[in-house]
């Protein structure tokens, strides 16, 4: 038995996740640059910066190797299972897709993603993240101390 409403809901959830990922990557760089100028300490968080760099790194590698984003593939499969046209569906899907998907030759995306990735890498030198902290060792007289 098929459940088109469930598949449509899951497709919308994947699309929302996809848009949130794009917002994290794009807005993340914007916030890093503004935060560097304004002296915001949180933008130097090494975990935030590592996840941000990894996010754009995945996008750049997918573009270079011609790999379609797994979130796009999953969403399209769920829409097909729901009986929808690809990129059709609910109100949420309609507007988020108009924001996220557009048509251009593949080389345009490769250049844009690569340039954006280089800007993220450049932000690591211009606005350095804090170093990762080592776990604090317990005092030597503590029962938890094991050299």
N, C-alpha and C. Protein backbone atom coordinates (compact mmCIF):
# COMPACT_ATOMS: atom_id res chain seq x y z
N UNK A 1 0.84 -1.17 0.00
CA UNK A 1 0.00 0.00 0.00
C UNK A 1 0.89 1.25 0.00
N UNK A 2 0.58 2.19 -0.84
CA UNK A 2 1.35 3.43 -0.95
C UNK A 2 0.72 4.52 -0.08
N UNK A 3 1.55 5.43 0.40
CA UNK A 3 1.11 6.53 1.24
C UNK A 3 1.62 7.84 0.63
N UNK A 4 0.92 8.37 -0.39
CA UNK A 4 1.43 9.57 -1.07
C UNK A 4 1.59 10.76 -0.13
N UNK A 5 0.71 10.91 0.83
CA UNK A 5 0.84 12.04 1.76
C UNK A 5 2.12 11.95 2.59
N UNK A 6 2.46 10.75 3.01
CA UNK A 6 3.68 10.56 3.79
C UNK A 6 4.91 10.86 2.94
N UNK A 7 4.93 10.33 1.70
CA UNK A 7 6.07 10.59 0.82
C UNK A 7 6.20 12.08 0.50
N UNK A 8 5.07 12.75 0.30
CA UNK A 8 5.09 14.18 0.02
C UNK A 8 5.64 14.95 1.23
N UNK A 9 5.20 14.56 2.43
CA UNK A 9 5.70 15.18 3.67
C UNK A 9 7.21 14.97 3.80
N UNK A 10 7.67 13.75 3.57
CA UNK A 10 9.11 13.45 3.66
C UNK A 10 9.90 14.22 2.61
N UNK A 11 9.35 14.34 1.40
CA UNK A 11 10.02 15.11 0.35
C UNK A 11 10.13 16.58 0.75
N UNK A 12 9.08 17.12 1.36
CA UNK A 12 9.13 18.51 1.83
C UNK A 12 10.15 18.66 2.95
N UNK A 13 10.26 17.65 3.83
CA UNK A 13 11.24 17.70 4.91
C UNK A 13 12.67 17.67 4.35
N UNK A 14 12.89 16.85 3.34
CA UNK A 14 14.22 16.81 2.71
C UNK A 14 14.52 18.15 2.04
N UNK A 15 13.55 18.71 1.36
CA UNK A 15 13.75 20.01 0.71
C UNK A 15 14.04 21.09 1.74
N UNK A 16 13.32 21.08 2.84
CA UNK A 16 13.56 22.06 3.91
C UNK A 16 14.97 21.90 4.47
N UNK A 17 15.40 20.67 4.66
CA UNK A 17 16.76 20.40 5.12
C UNK A 17 17.79 20.91 4.12
N UNK A 18 17.50 20.71 2.84
CA UNK A 18 18.40 21.16 1.78
C UNK A 18 18.53 22.69 1.81
N UNK A 19 17.43 23.38 1.94
CA UNK A 19 17.46 24.84 2.01
C UNK A 19 18.19 25.30 3.27
N UNK A 20 17.99 24.61 4.38
CA UNK A 20 18.70 24.97 5.62
C UNK A 20 20.21 24.78 5.45
N UNK A 21 20.61 23.73 4.75
CA UNK A 21 22.04 23.50 4.49
C UNK A 21 22.61 24.62 3.64
N UNK A 22 21.91 24.99 2.59
CA UNK A 22 22.37 26.09 1.72
C UNK A 22 22.45 27.38 2.53
N UNK A 23 21.46 27.65 3.37
CA UNK A 23 21.47 28.86 4.20
C UNK A 23 22.65 28.83 5.17
N UNK A 24 22.95 27.67 5.75
CA UNK A 24 24.08 27.55 6.66
C UNK A 24 25.39 27.89 5.93
N UNK A 25 25.56 27.37 4.73
CA UNK A 25 26.80 27.62 3.99
C UNK A 25 26.89 29.09 3.57
N UNK A 26 25.84 29.61 2.97
CA UNK A 26 25.87 30.99 2.45
C UNK A 26 25.87 32.00 3.59
N UNK A 27 24.92 31.89 4.49
CA UNK A 27 24.85 32.85 5.60
C UNK A 27 26.02 32.68 6.56
N UNK A 28 26.53 31.45 6.65
CA UNK A 28 27.68 31.21 7.52
C UNK A 28 28.87 32.06 7.12
N UNK A 29 29.18 32.10 5.82
CA UNK A 29 30.32 32.92 5.38
C UNK A 29 30.03 34.40 5.62
N UNK A 30 28.82 34.83 5.33
CA UNK A 30 28.45 36.22 5.56
C UNK A 30 28.63 36.58 7.04
N UNK A 31 28.17 35.71 7.94
CA UNK A 31 28.30 35.97 9.38
C UNK A 31 29.76 35.94 9.83
N UNK A 32 30.56 35.05 9.24
CA UNK A 32 31.99 35.01 9.58
C UNK A 32 32.65 36.33 9.21
N UNK A 33 32.36 36.82 8.01
CA UNK A 33 32.98 38.07 7.56
C UNK A 33 32.51 39.25 8.40
N UNK A 34 31.20 39.36 8.64
CA UNK A 34 30.67 40.45 9.47
C UNK A 34 31.18 40.31 10.89
N UNK A 35 31.18 39.08 11.41
CA UNK A 35 31.64 38.85 12.77
C UNK A 35 33.11 39.17 12.95
N UNK A 36 33.91 38.94 11.92
CA UNK A 36 35.32 39.31 11.98
C UNK A 36 35.50 40.81 12.11
N UNK A 37 34.68 41.55 11.38
CA UNK A 37 34.74 43.02 11.45
C UNK A 37 34.23 43.52 12.80
N UNK A 38 33.14 42.91 13.29
CA UNK A 38 32.52 43.37 14.53
C UNK A 38 33.13 42.77 15.78
N UNK A 39 34.05 41.83 15.64
CA UNK A 39 34.70 41.24 16.80
C UNK A 39 33.87 40.19 17.53
N UNK A 40 32.91 39.56 16.84
CA UNK A 40 32.10 38.52 17.48
C UNK A 40 32.99 37.31 17.77
N UNK A 41 32.97 36.83 18.98
CA UNK A 41 33.82 35.70 19.36
C UNK A 41 33.28 34.37 18.85
N UNK A 42 31.98 34.21 18.78
CA UNK A 42 31.41 32.91 18.41
C UNK A 42 31.78 32.48 17.00
N UNK A 43 32.09 33.43 16.11
CA UNK A 43 32.43 33.03 14.74
C UNK A 43 33.80 32.39 14.65
N UNK A 44 34.56 32.45 15.74
CA UNK A 44 35.87 31.80 15.78
C UNK A 44 35.80 30.39 16.38
N UNK A 45 34.58 29.92 16.66
CA UNK A 45 34.38 28.57 17.18
C UNK A 45 34.90 27.56 16.17
N UNK A 46 35.87 26.73 16.56
CA UNK A 46 36.47 25.82 15.58
C UNK A 46 35.50 24.77 15.04
N UNK A 47 34.53 24.36 15.85
CA UNK A 47 33.56 23.36 15.37
C UNK A 47 32.64 23.97 14.31
N UNK A 48 32.14 25.16 14.57
CA UNK A 48 31.33 25.86 13.58
C UNK A 48 32.10 26.03 12.28
N UNK A 49 33.35 26.48 12.39
CA UNK A 49 34.16 26.73 11.20
C UNK A 49 34.48 25.45 10.45
N UNK A 50 34.76 24.36 11.19
CA UNK A 50 35.07 23.08 10.54
C UNK A 50 33.84 22.54 9.79
N UNK A 51 32.67 22.61 10.42
CA UNK A 51 31.46 22.15 9.75
C UNK A 51 31.14 23.02 8.53
N UNK A 52 31.38 24.31 8.66
CA UNK A 52 31.13 25.22 7.54
C UNK A 52 32.06 24.90 6.38
N UNK A 53 33.34 24.72 6.65
CA UNK A 53 34.30 24.38 5.60
C UNK A 53 33.98 23.04 4.98
N UNK A 54 33.62 22.06 5.80
CA UNK A 54 33.25 20.75 5.28
C UNK A 54 32.01 20.84 4.39
N UNK A 55 31.04 21.65 4.79
CA UNK A 55 29.81 21.80 4.00
C UNK A 55 30.09 22.32 2.61
N UNK A 56 30.85 23.40 2.49
CA UNK A 56 31.14 23.92 1.16
C UNK A 56 32.10 23.00 0.42
N UNK A 57 32.96 22.30 1.16
CA UNK A 57 33.87 21.34 0.52
C UNK A 57 33.11 20.23 -0.19
N UNK A 58 32.08 19.71 0.45
CA UNK A 58 31.25 18.67 -0.17
C UNK A 58 30.59 19.21 -1.44
N UNK A 59 30.06 20.41 -1.37
CA UNK A 59 29.39 21.02 -2.53
C UNK A 59 30.38 21.19 -3.69
N UNK A 60 31.57 21.70 -3.40
CA UNK A 60 32.57 21.92 -4.44
C UNK A 60 32.98 20.59 -5.08
N UNK A 61 33.25 19.59 -4.26
CA UNK A 61 33.64 18.29 -4.81
C UNK A 61 32.53 17.67 -5.66
N UNK A 62 31.29 17.79 -5.22
CA UNK A 62 30.18 17.28 -6.03
C UNK A 62 30.13 17.99 -7.37
N UNK A 63 30.35 19.29 -7.38
CA UNK A 63 30.32 20.05 -8.64
C UNK A 63 31.47 19.63 -9.55
N UNK A 64 32.67 19.51 -8.99
CA UNK A 64 33.82 19.13 -9.81
C UNK A 64 33.66 17.76 -10.44
N UNK A 65 33.07 16.82 -9.69
CA UNK A 65 32.94 15.45 -10.17
C UNK A 65 31.59 15.17 -10.82
N UNK A 66 30.76 16.19 -10.96
CA UNK A 66 29.46 16.02 -11.62
C UNK A 66 28.49 15.13 -10.86
N UNK A 67 28.58 15.15 -9.56
CA UNK A 67 27.71 14.33 -8.71
C UNK A 67 26.48 15.15 -8.33
N UNK A 68 25.31 14.58 -8.55
CA UNK A 68 24.08 15.25 -8.14
C UNK A 68 23.95 15.11 -6.63
N UNK A 69 23.54 16.17 -5.98
CA UNK A 69 23.40 16.19 -4.53
C UNK A 69 22.48 15.05 -4.06
N UNK A 70 22.91 14.28 -3.07
CA UNK A 70 22.06 13.19 -2.57
C UNK A 70 20.72 13.66 -2.03
N UNK A 71 20.67 14.88 -1.48
CA UNK A 71 19.39 15.40 -1.01
C UNK A 71 18.43 15.63 -2.16
N UNK A 72 18.94 16.10 -3.29
CA UNK A 72 18.10 16.29 -4.48
C UNK A 72 17.57 14.95 -4.97
N UNK A 73 18.44 13.95 -5.03
CA UNK A 73 18.03 12.62 -5.49
C UNK A 73 16.97 12.04 -4.56
N UNK A 74 17.19 12.14 -3.26
CA UNK A 74 16.22 11.62 -2.30
C UNK A 74 14.88 12.33 -2.43
N UNK A 75 14.92 13.64 -2.53
CA UNK A 75 13.66 14.39 -2.65
C UNK A 75 12.91 13.99 -3.91
N UNK A 76 13.61 13.89 -5.03
CA UNK A 76 12.94 13.53 -6.29
C UNK A 76 12.35 12.12 -6.21
N UNK A 77 13.07 11.18 -5.59
CA UNK A 77 12.53 9.82 -5.43
C UNK A 77 11.28 9.82 -4.56
N UNK A 78 11.29 10.58 -3.48
CA UNK A 78 10.11 10.66 -2.62
C UNK A 78 8.93 11.30 -3.35
N UNK A 79 9.20 12.32 -4.15
CA UNK A 79 8.11 12.96 -4.92
C UNK A 79 7.51 11.99 -5.94
N UNK A 80 8.38 11.22 -6.59
CA UNK A 80 7.87 10.22 -7.55
C UNK A 80 7.02 9.18 -6.84
N UNK A 81 7.46 8.72 -5.64
CA UNK A 81 6.68 7.73 -4.88
C UNK A 81 5.35 8.31 -4.43
N UNK A 82 5.31 9.64 -4.24
CA UNK A 82 4.06 10.30 -3.85
C UNK A 82 3.13 10.48 -5.04
N UNK A 83 3.65 10.22 -6.24
CA UNK A 83 2.85 10.41 -7.45
C UNK A 83 2.89 11.84 -7.96
N UNK A 84 3.79 12.65 -7.45
CA UNK A 84 3.93 14.04 -7.89
C UNK A 84 4.89 14.11 -9.07
N UNK A 85 4.75 15.21 -9.81
CA UNK A 85 5.78 15.51 -10.79
C UNK A 85 7.03 15.88 -10.02
N UNK A 86 8.17 15.64 -10.64
CA UNK A 86 9.41 16.03 -9.98
C UNK A 86 9.38 17.53 -9.77
N UNK A 87 9.71 17.94 -8.55
CA UNK A 87 9.68 19.32 -8.11
C UNK A 87 8.28 19.89 -8.05
N UNK A 88 7.28 19.06 -8.05
CA UNK A 88 5.92 19.50 -7.82
C UNK A 88 5.57 19.25 -6.37
N UNK A 89 4.34 19.48 -6.00
CA UNK A 89 3.94 19.13 -4.64
C UNK A 89 3.27 20.25 -3.91
N UNK A 90 3.57 20.37 -2.66
CA UNK A 90 2.87 21.29 -1.77
C UNK A 90 3.38 22.72 -1.90
N UNK A 91 2.71 23.61 -1.20
CA UNK A 91 3.08 25.02 -1.18
C UNK A 91 4.53 25.21 -0.72
N UNK A 92 4.90 24.53 0.36
CA UNK A 92 6.27 24.65 0.88
C UNK A 92 7.26 24.23 -0.20
N UNK A 93 7.00 23.09 -0.80
CA UNK A 93 7.90 22.59 -1.84
C UNK A 93 8.01 23.58 -2.99
N UNK A 94 6.90 24.13 -3.42
CA UNK A 94 6.89 25.05 -4.55
C UNK A 94 7.81 26.25 -4.31
N UNK A 95 7.68 26.89 -3.17
CA UNK A 95 8.45 28.11 -2.91
C UNK A 95 9.90 27.83 -2.55
N UNK A 96 10.14 26.78 -1.81
CA UNK A 96 11.53 26.46 -1.49
C UNK A 96 12.30 26.03 -2.74
N UNK A 97 11.63 25.33 -3.64
CA UNK A 97 12.29 24.92 -4.89
C UNK A 97 12.58 26.11 -5.78
N UNK A 98 11.69 27.07 -5.82
CA UNK A 98 11.95 28.27 -6.64
C UNK A 98 13.17 29.02 -6.13
N UNK A 99 13.35 28.99 -4.80
CA UNK A 99 14.50 29.63 -4.20
C UNK A 99 15.79 28.85 -4.47
N UNK A 100 15.71 27.52 -4.41
CA UNK A 100 16.90 26.68 -4.42
C UNK A 100 17.33 26.24 -5.82
N UNK A 101 16.42 25.92 -6.69
CA UNK A 101 16.77 25.33 -7.98
C UNK A 101 16.60 26.35 -9.11
N UNK A 102 17.59 26.42 -9.96
CA UNK A 102 17.54 27.29 -11.12
C UNK A 102 18.37 26.66 -12.22
N UNK A 103 18.18 27.13 -13.45
CA UNK A 103 18.83 26.51 -14.60
C UNK A 103 19.99 27.36 -15.09
N UNK A 104 21.13 26.72 -15.27
CA UNK A 104 22.33 27.33 -15.83
C UNK A 104 23.22 26.19 -16.30
N UNK A 105 24.16 26.48 -17.21
CA UNK A 105 25.08 25.42 -17.62
C UNK A 105 25.90 24.94 -16.42
N UNK A 106 26.30 23.67 -16.42
CA UNK A 106 27.05 23.12 -15.28
C UNK A 106 28.32 23.90 -14.93
N UNK A 107 29.01 24.45 -15.92
CA UNK A 107 30.26 25.16 -15.62
C UNK A 107 30.00 26.39 -14.74
N UNK A 108 28.82 26.99 -14.84
CA UNK A 108 28.49 28.16 -14.02
C UNK A 108 28.48 27.76 -12.54
N UNK A 109 27.87 26.61 -12.25
CA UNK A 109 27.82 26.14 -10.87
C UNK A 109 29.21 25.78 -10.37
N UNK A 110 30.00 25.12 -11.20
CA UNK A 110 31.35 24.74 -10.80
C UNK A 110 32.16 25.98 -10.45
N UNK A 111 32.09 27.01 -11.28
CA UNK A 111 32.84 28.25 -11.02
C UNK A 111 32.32 28.93 -9.75
N UNK A 112 31.01 29.03 -9.61
CA UNK A 112 30.44 29.70 -8.43
C UNK A 112 30.77 28.95 -7.15
N UNK A 113 30.59 27.64 -7.14
CA UNK A 113 30.87 26.86 -5.94
C UNK A 113 32.35 26.91 -5.59
N UNK A 114 33.20 26.83 -6.61
CA UNK A 114 34.64 26.88 -6.36
C UNK A 114 35.05 28.25 -5.81
N UNK A 115 34.54 29.32 -6.39
CA UNK A 115 34.86 30.67 -5.90
C UNK A 115 34.36 30.84 -4.47
N UNK A 116 33.17 30.35 -4.18
CA UNK A 116 32.64 30.45 -2.83
C UNK A 116 33.50 29.63 -1.87
N UNK A 117 33.88 28.43 -2.29
CA UNK A 117 34.75 27.60 -1.47
C UNK A 117 36.08 28.28 -1.18
N UNK A 118 36.64 28.95 -2.17
CA UNK A 118 37.90 29.69 -1.96
C UNK A 118 37.69 30.84 -0.98
N UNK A 119 36.53 31.48 -1.02
CA UNK A 119 36.24 32.55 -0.06
C UNK A 119 36.16 31.98 1.36
N UNK A 120 35.57 30.80 1.52
CA UNK A 120 35.51 30.17 2.84
C UNK A 120 36.91 29.83 3.32
N UNK A 121 37.73 29.26 2.44
CA UNK A 121 39.12 28.95 2.82
C UNK A 121 39.86 30.23 3.17
N UNK A 122 39.66 31.29 2.39
CA UNK A 122 40.29 32.57 2.69
C UNK A 122 39.88 33.12 4.03
N UNK A 123 38.64 32.86 4.43
CA UNK A 123 38.18 33.35 5.73
C UNK A 123 38.93 32.67 6.88
N UNK A 124 39.46 31.48 6.63
CA UNK A 124 40.24 30.79 7.67
C UNK A 124 41.54 31.54 7.94
N UNK A 125 42.11 32.18 6.94
CA UNK A 125 43.36 32.92 7.13
C UNK A 125 43.09 34.33 7.63
N UNK A 126 42.07 34.95 7.13
CA UNK A 126 41.76 36.33 7.50
C UNK A 126 41.13 36.41 8.89
N UNK A 127 40.21 35.50 9.18
CA UNK A 127 39.49 35.48 10.46
C UNK A 127 39.69 34.09 11.05
N UNK A 128 40.79 33.91 11.74
CA UNK A 128 41.20 32.59 12.21
C UNK A 128 40.26 32.06 13.29
N UNK A 129 39.88 30.77 13.19
CA UNK A 129 39.12 30.17 14.29
C UNK A 129 40.04 29.91 15.48
N UNK A 130 39.43 29.81 16.66
CA UNK A 130 40.19 29.41 17.84
C UNK A 130 40.68 27.98 17.62
N UNK A 131 41.77 27.61 18.28
CA UNK A 131 42.20 26.20 18.20
C UNK A 131 41.22 25.30 18.96
N UNK A 132 41.15 24.04 18.54
CA UNK A 132 40.36 23.07 19.28
C UNK A 132 41.01 22.89 20.64
N UNK A 133 40.21 22.78 21.67
CA UNK A 133 40.73 22.63 23.03
C UNK A 133 40.96 21.15 23.33
N UNK A 134 42.04 20.87 24.02
CA UNK A 134 42.29 19.52 24.49
C UNK A 134 41.42 19.28 25.72
N UNK A 135 41.03 18.04 25.92
CA UNK A 135 40.25 17.70 27.11
C UNK A 135 41.11 17.93 28.34
N UNK A 136 40.51 18.49 29.35
CA UNK A 136 41.25 18.76 30.58
C UNK A 136 41.60 17.45 31.27
N UNK A 137 42.85 17.33 31.70
CA UNK A 137 43.28 16.14 32.44
C UNK A 137 42.89 16.31 33.90
N UNK A 138 42.46 15.22 34.54
CA UNK A 138 42.15 15.32 35.97
C UNK A 138 43.46 15.50 36.75
N UNK A 139 43.37 16.11 37.93
CA UNK A 139 44.57 16.28 38.76
C UNK A 139 45.21 14.93 39.06
N UNK A 140 46.54 14.95 39.26
CA UNK A 140 47.26 13.70 39.48
C UNK A 140 46.81 12.98 40.74
N UNK A 141 46.33 13.68 41.73
CA UNK A 141 45.88 13.01 42.95
C UNK A 141 44.42 12.55 42.86
N UNK A 142 43.79 12.72 41.70
CA UNK A 142 42.40 12.33 41.49
C UNK A 142 42.31 10.83 41.21
N UNK A 143 41.23 10.16 41.68
CA UNK A 143 41.07 8.73 41.37
C UNK A 143 40.88 8.47 39.87
N UNK A 144 40.48 9.50 39.10
CA UNK A 144 40.26 9.33 37.66
C UNK A 144 41.56 9.46 36.87
N UNK A 145 42.66 9.82 37.52
CA UNK A 145 43.93 10.02 36.83
C UNK A 145 44.55 8.67 36.48
N UNK A 146 44.82 8.46 35.19
CA UNK A 146 45.47 7.25 34.70
C UNK A 146 46.52 7.65 33.70
N UNK A 147 47.80 7.69 34.07
CA UNK A 147 48.83 8.12 33.12
C UNK A 147 49.04 7.17 31.98
